[in-house]
Amino acid sequence: MNNKDSLKHKLHVIILEADTPLGRTFDIMLLITILISVFVVILDSVASISQNFSELFFYLEWMFTIFFTIEYFLRIYVTAKPFRNYIFSFYGIIDLLAIIPTYLSLVVSGTHFMMVIRIFRLFRVFRILKLGRYIGASQVLKESFMNSRHKIAIFLEVIVTIVVIMGSIMYIIEGPENGFSSIPRGIYWAIVTLTTVGYGDIAPATVAGQFIASTIMIMGYAIIAVPTGIISAEINKAEKKKQIQLNTQICENCQLDRHDDDALFCKRCGSSLRE
């Protein structure tokens, strides 16, 4: 292995894995930097604070942008087939969106409001799930959500059907004179009522409408518990049968990251996982 390959391999372990002290340090440092940069974006949106610290925020933003730009290109460098495995991946797009606005501000005026795109950096905190202590819990949650997705989809279809029917009925019963000026307006009211939010901007005036509203409110309390119960049941199942992966090894060739703790070769492409 030549020096170039050795350097690339070391960077790959540090940036993409978290089993080593350097890898964990890098992830923690990245997490702290992301949180601080998002905090700066939030403070910069407050007019009184922005006026007093505008120069400081300007330099901090460029410091963060340069840091994330270097990290972005390092990830491209250490990733095999970067276009497929990183650049057009979810995190790759988020990383790019997080740095573009600052550079655009140099050549395009009026990009101040585009700076809010920087808040997308917050999505990157999910990379903390690579840290060993969180791997087991994150796998259980991921498996639970994946196993319950079909039940949740059916549940949502039932909810959509209910609010469409109830909204249409309320449009017929109440009519435009009571604020139900259209079926979409009635559906909006049904959603607000079913979720027990109750903005109060539209309210039924007739006895029949109030009876339907009361029924939807009672249904709302029962319906809210359904997805919670579905996911909780899947979590219990996953906890009972889980086999926790305790490593964060990523194949340098195909980027697969679901390997057994004692694996020596990638189960997808057969590449060596260890020197």
Protein backbone atom coordinates (compact mmCIF):
# COMPACT_ATOMS: atom_id res chain seq x y z
CA MET A 1 0.00 0.00 0.00
CA ASN A 2 1.60 3.31 -1.08
CA ASN A 3 1.52 6.54 0.90
CA LYS A 4 -1.40 7.94 -1.07
CA ASP A 5 -3.53 4.85 -0.47
CA SER A 6 -2.48 4.79 3.17
CA LEU A 7 -3.52 8.42 3.66
CA LYS A 8 -6.84 7.84 1.88
CA HIS A 9 -7.54 4.78 4.01
CA LYS A 10 -6.78 6.65 7.24
CA LEU A 11 -9.02 9.54 6.21
CA HIS A 12 -11.74 7.05 5.29
CA VAL A 13 -11.62 5.51 8.77
CA ILE A 14 -11.61 8.90 10.52
CA ILE A 15 -14.37 10.54 8.47
CA LEU A 16 -16.74 7.65 7.75
CA GLU A 17 -16.29 5.35 10.74
CA ALA A 18 -16.45 5.83 14.51
CA ASP A 19 -14.74 2.77 15.95
CA THR A 20 -11.39 4.46 16.46
CA PRO A 21 -10.56 7.29 18.91
CA LEU A 22 -9.85 9.62 15.97
CA GLY A 23 -13.13 8.67 14.30
CA ARG A 24 -15.13 9.34 17.47
CA THR A 25 -13.27 12.61 18.02
CA PHE A 26 -14.01 13.72 14.47
CA ASP A 27 -17.73 12.90 14.79
CA ILE A 28 -18.03 14.74 18.11
CA MET A 29 -16.12 17.75 16.74
CA LEU A 30 -18.35 17.76 13.65
CA LEU A 31 -21.48 17.55 15.78
CA ILE A 32 -20.40 20.48 17.97
CA THR A 33 -19.52 22.57 14.91
CA ILE A 34 -22.90 21.83 13.30
CA LEU A 35 -24.81 22.80 16.44
CA ILE A 36 -22.85 26.03 16.86
CA SER A 37 -23.31 26.97 13.18
CA VAL A 38 -27.07 26.36 13.41
CA PHE A 39 -27.20 28.40 16.62
CA VAL A 40 -25.46 31.27 14.81
CA VAL A 41 -28.02 31.10 11.99
CA ILE A 42 -30.85 31.29 14.54
CA LEU A 43 -29.30 34.26 16.36
CA ASP A 44 -28.63 36.01 13.06
CA SER A 45 -32.38 35.99 12.34
CA VAL A 46 -33.03 38.15 15.44
CA ALA A 47 -32.78 41.76 14.23
CA SER A 48 -31.46 43.29 17.46
CA ILE A 49 -28.74 40.65 17.88
CA SER A 50 -27.83 40.63 14.19
CA GLN A 51 -27.26 44.40 14.18
CA ASN A 52 -24.91 44.26 17.16
CA PHE A 53 -22.94 41.20 16.09
CA SER A 54 -23.26 41.26 12.31
CA GLU A 55 -19.49 41.37 11.73
CA LEU A 56 -18.87 38.49 14.14
CA PHE A 57 -21.60 36.40 12.51
CA PHE A 58 -20.12 37.17 9.08
CA TYR A 59 -16.68 35.83 10.00
CA LEU A 60 -18.14 32.85 11.87
CA GLU A 61 -20.27 31.91 8.87
CA TRP A 62 -17.28 31.97 6.55
CA MET A 63 -15.27 29.93 9.04
CA PHE A 64 -18.03 27.31 9.20
CA THR A 65 -18.47 27.33 5.41
CA ILE A 66 -14.77 26.76 4.79
CA PHE A 67 -14.70 23.97 7.37
CA PHE A 68 -17.74 22.23 5.84
CA THR A 69 -16.38 22.75 2.32
CA ILE A 70 -13.13 21.01 3.23
CA GLU A 71 -15.10 18.21 4.87
CA TYR A 72 -17.35 17.91 1.79
CA PHE A 73 -14.42 17.45 -0.60
CA LEU A 74 -12.66 15.10 1.80
CA ARG A 75 -15.76 12.89 1.81
CA ILE A 76 -15.70 12.89 -1.99
CA TYR A 77 -11.99 11.99 -1.92
CA VAL A 78 -12.34 9.03 0.46
CA THR A 79 -15.55 7.65 -1.06
CA ALA A 80 -15.33 5.09 -3.83
CA LYS A 81 -17.64 6.03 -6.74
CA PRO A 82 -18.52 9.34 -5.04
CA PHE A 83 -21.29 10.33 -7.46
CA ARG A 84 -23.30 7.22 -6.63
CA ASN A 85 -22.30 6.73 -3.00
CA TYR A 86 -22.12 10.30 -1.70
CA ILE A 87 -22.66 13.33 -3.96
CA PHE A 88 -26.24 12.40 -4.91
CA SER A 89 -27.04 10.72 -1.58
CA PHE A 90 -29.27 12.37 1.03
CA TYR A 91 -26.37 13.59 3.17
CA GLY A 92 -24.36 14.61 0.13
CA ILE A 93 -27.14 16.91 -1.06
CA ILE A 94 -27.62 18.31 2.46
CA ASP A 95 -23.89 18.99 2.74
CA LEU A 96 -23.89 20.83 -0.58
CA LEU A 97 -26.99 22.88 0.24
CA ALA A 98 -25.39 23.91 3.54
CA ILE A 99 -22.42 25.60 1.88
CA ILE A 100 -23.85 26.96 -1.39
CA PRO A 101 -25.67 30.07 0.02
CA THR A 102 -22.50 31.60 1.45
CA TYR A 103 -20.68 31.33 -1.89
CA LEU A 104 -23.71 32.61 -3.78
CA SER A 105 -23.68 35.75 -1.62
CA LEU A 106 -20.38 36.70 -3.28
CA VAL A 107 -21.81 36.86 -6.80
CA VAL A 108 -25.57 37.34 -6.34
CA SER A 109 -27.13 40.15 -4.36
CA GLY A 110 -30.25 39.64 -2.29
CA THR A 111 -29.38 36.10 -1.17
CA HIS A 112 -29.84 36.93 2.51
CA PHE A 113 -33.01 34.89 2.79
CA MET A 114 -31.31 31.92 1.13
CA MET A 115 -29.07 31.77 4.18
CA VAL A 116 -31.88 30.01 6.02
CA ILE A 117 -30.95 26.97 3.90
CA ARG A 118 -27.94 26.72 6.23
CA ILE A 119 -30.35 25.38 8.85
CA PHE A 120 -30.31 22.14 6.82
CA ARG A 121 -27.01 21.46 8.56
CA LEU A 122 -29.13 20.33 11.48
CA PHE A 123 -29.95 17.17 9.51
CA ARG A 124 -26.31 16.27 9.80
CA VAL A 125 -26.58 15.72 13.56
CA PHE A 126 -28.09 12.33 12.74
CA ARG A 127 -24.55 11.23 11.98
CA ILE A 128 -24.09 10.98 15.74
CA LEU A 129 -26.00 7.70 15.42
CA LYS A 130 -22.74 6.22 14.17
CA LEU A 131 -21.27 6.56 17.67
CA GLY A 132 -21.06 3.18 19.35
CA ARG A 133 -23.27 3.92 22.32
CA TYR A 134 -26.18 4.85 20.05
CA ILE A 135 -25.87 2.16 17.38
CA GLY A 136 -28.10 -0.39 19.14
CA ALA A 137 -30.87 2.10 19.91
CA SER A 138 -30.81 3.58 16.41
CA GLN A 139 -31.04 0.13 14.81
CA VAL A 140 -34.05 -0.77 16.97
CA LEU A 141 -35.84 2.47 16.04
CA LYS A 142 -35.02 2.10 12.34
CA GLU A 143 -36.23 -1.51 12.27
CA SER A 144 -39.39 -0.59 14.18
CA PHE A 145 -40.32 2.22 11.80
CA MET A 146 -39.58 0.09 8.74
CA ASN A 147 -41.65 -2.84 10.02
CA SER A 148 -44.60 -0.60 10.90
CA ARG A 149 -44.59 1.49 7.71
CA HIS A 150 -47.34 -0.54 6.00
CA LYS A 151 -49.63 -0.36 9.04
CA ILE A 152 -48.97 3.36 9.38
CA ALA A 153 -49.73 3.85 5.66
CA ILE A 154 -53.09 2.07 6.03
CA PHE A 155 -53.82 4.12 9.14
CA LEU A 156 -53.12 7.36 7.25
CA GLU A 157 -55.37 6.24 4.39
CA VAL A 158 -58.20 5.74 6.91
CA ILE A 159 -57.56 9.19 8.41
CA VAL A 160 -57.58 10.86 4.98
CA THR A 161 -60.87 9.11 4.16
CA ILE A 162 -62.43 10.25 7.45
CA VAL A 163 -61.44 13.90 7.10
CA VAL A 164 -62.59 14.06 3.46
CA ILE A 165 -66.00 12.59 4.33
CA MET A 166 -66.43 14.70 7.48
CA GLY A 167 -65.25 17.86 5.73
CA SER A 168 -67.72 17.30 2.89
CA ILE A 169 -70.58 16.66 5.31
CA MET A 170 -69.78 19.82 7.26
CA TYR A 171 -69.74 21.81 4.01
CA ILE A 172 -73.27 20.56 3.29
CA ILE A 173 -74.58 21.09 6.82
CA GLU A 174 -72.95 24.40 7.77
CA GLY A 175 -72.47 26.09 4.41
CA PRO A 176 -70.54 29.27 3.50
CA GLU A 177 -72.50 31.40 5.97
CA ASN A 178 -70.77 29.61 8.88
CA GLY A 179 -67.28 29.69 7.37
CA PHE A 180 -67.39 26.37 5.48
CA SER A 181 -67.05 28.05 2.09
CA SER A 182 -65.76 24.98 0.25
CA ILE A 183 -65.05 21.29 0.71
CA PRO A 184 -61.27 21.90 1.11
CA ARG A 185 -62.15 24.40 3.84
CA GLY A 186 -64.29 21.73 5.51
CA ILE A 187 -61.45 19.19 5.21
CA TYR A 188 -59.08 21.68 6.82
CA TRP A 189 -61.51 22.07 9.73
CA ALA A 190 -61.85 18.28 10.05
CA ILE A 191 -58.06 17.84 10.23
CA VAL A 192 -57.70 20.58 12.85
CA THR A 193 -60.53 19.09 14.91
CA LEU A 194 -59.47 15.45 14.55
CA THR A 195 -55.94 16.24 15.70
CA THR A 196 -57.41 18.14 18.70
CA VAL A 197 -55.51 21.30 17.69
CA GLY A 198 -58.63 23.43 17.51
CA TYR A 199 -57.55 26.82 16.15
CA GLY A 200 -61.08 28.15 16.46
CA ASP A 201 -60.99 30.07 13.17
CA ILE A 202 -63.95 27.98 11.95
CA ALA A 203 -66.66 26.64 14.25
CA PRO A 204 -69.98 24.88 13.54
CA ALA A 205 -73.10 26.87 14.39
CA THR A 206 -75.84 24.27 13.86
CA VAL A 207 -76.77 21.49 16.27
CA ALA A 208 -75.99 18.82 13.68
CA GLY A 209 -72.59 20.37 12.97
CA GLN A 210 -71.74 20.58 16.67
CA PHE A 211 -72.73 16.92 17.11
CA ILE A 212 -70.41 15.89 14.27
CA ALA A 213 -67.65 18.08 15.73
CA SER A 214 -68.05 16.38 19.12
CA THR A 215 -67.81 12.96 17.47
CA ILE A 216 -64.64 13.93 15.61
CA MET A 217 -63.08 15.29 18.82
CA ILE A 218 -63.71 12.02 20.66
CA MET A 219 -62.34 10.07 17.71
CA GLY A 220 -59.25 12.26 17.76
CA TYR A 221 -58.15 11.09 21.21
CA ALA A 222 -58.47 7.45 20.16
CA ILE A 223 -56.79 7.94 16.79
CA ILE A 224 -53.73 9.70 18.22
CA ALA A 225 -52.89 6.57 20.23
CA VAL A 226 -52.95 4.24 17.21
CA PRO A 227 -49.56 5.04 15.56
CA THR A 228 -47.93 5.19 18.99
CA GLY A 229 -49.21 1.71 19.78
CA ILE A 230 -48.12 0.31 16.41
CA ILE A 231 -44.58 1.62 16.72
CA SER A 232 -44.33 0.64 20.41
CA ALA A 233 -45.30 -2.94 19.55
CA GLU A 234 -42.66 -3.10 16.82
CA ILE A 235 -40.05 -1.69 19.22
CA ASN A 236 -40.84 -4.42 21.73
CA LYS A 237 -40.50 -7.06 19.00
CA ALA A 238 -37.21 -5.59 17.83
CA GLU A 239 -35.86 -5.44 21.38
CA LYS A 240 -36.59 -9.13 21.90
CA LYS A 241 -34.94 -10.38 18.74
CA LYS A 242 -32.33 -7.71 18.05
CA GLN A 243 -28.75 -8.57 17.20
CA ILE A 244 -26.88 -5.35 17.76
CA GLN A 245 -24.12 -4.41 15.36
CA LEU A 246 -21.37 -2.90 17.47
CA ASN A 247 -19.11 -1.64 14.70
CA THR A 248 -19.27 1.18 12.19
CA GLN A 249 -17.12 -0.36 9.49
CA ILE A 250 -17.88 0.91 6.00
CA CYS A 251 -16.63 -0.92 2.93
CA GLU A 252 -14.27 1.39 1.07
CA ASN A 253 -15.34 -0.10 -2.26
CA CYS A 254 -19.17 -0.15 -2.14
CA GLN A 255 -19.87 1.85 1.08
CA LEU A 256 -21.99 -0.90 2.67
CA ASP A 257 -22.10 -0.35 6.45
CA ARG A 258 -24.05 -3.37 7.74
CA HIS A 259 -21.33 -5.86 8.61
CA ASP A 260 -21.04 -8.40 11.40
CA ASP A 261 -18.61 -7.55 14.17
CA ASP A 262 -16.23 -10.37 13.18
CA ALA A 263 -16.51 -9.81 9.40
CA LEU A 264 -13.25 -9.68 7.47
CA PHE A 265 -14.76 -9.14 4.01
CA CYS A 266 -17.68 -7.12 2.68
CA LYS A 267 -20.80 -9.26 2.25
CA ARG A 268 -21.78 -7.32 -0.90
CA CYS A 269 -18.59 -6.96 -2.97
CA GLY A 270 -16.09 -9.18 -1.12
CA SER A 271 -13.54 -6.41 -0.50
CA SER A 272 -11.32 -6.71 2.56
CA LEU A 273 -12.59 -4.75 5.56
CA ARG A 274 -9.33 -4.84 7.50
CA GLU A 275 -5.72 -4.56 6.70
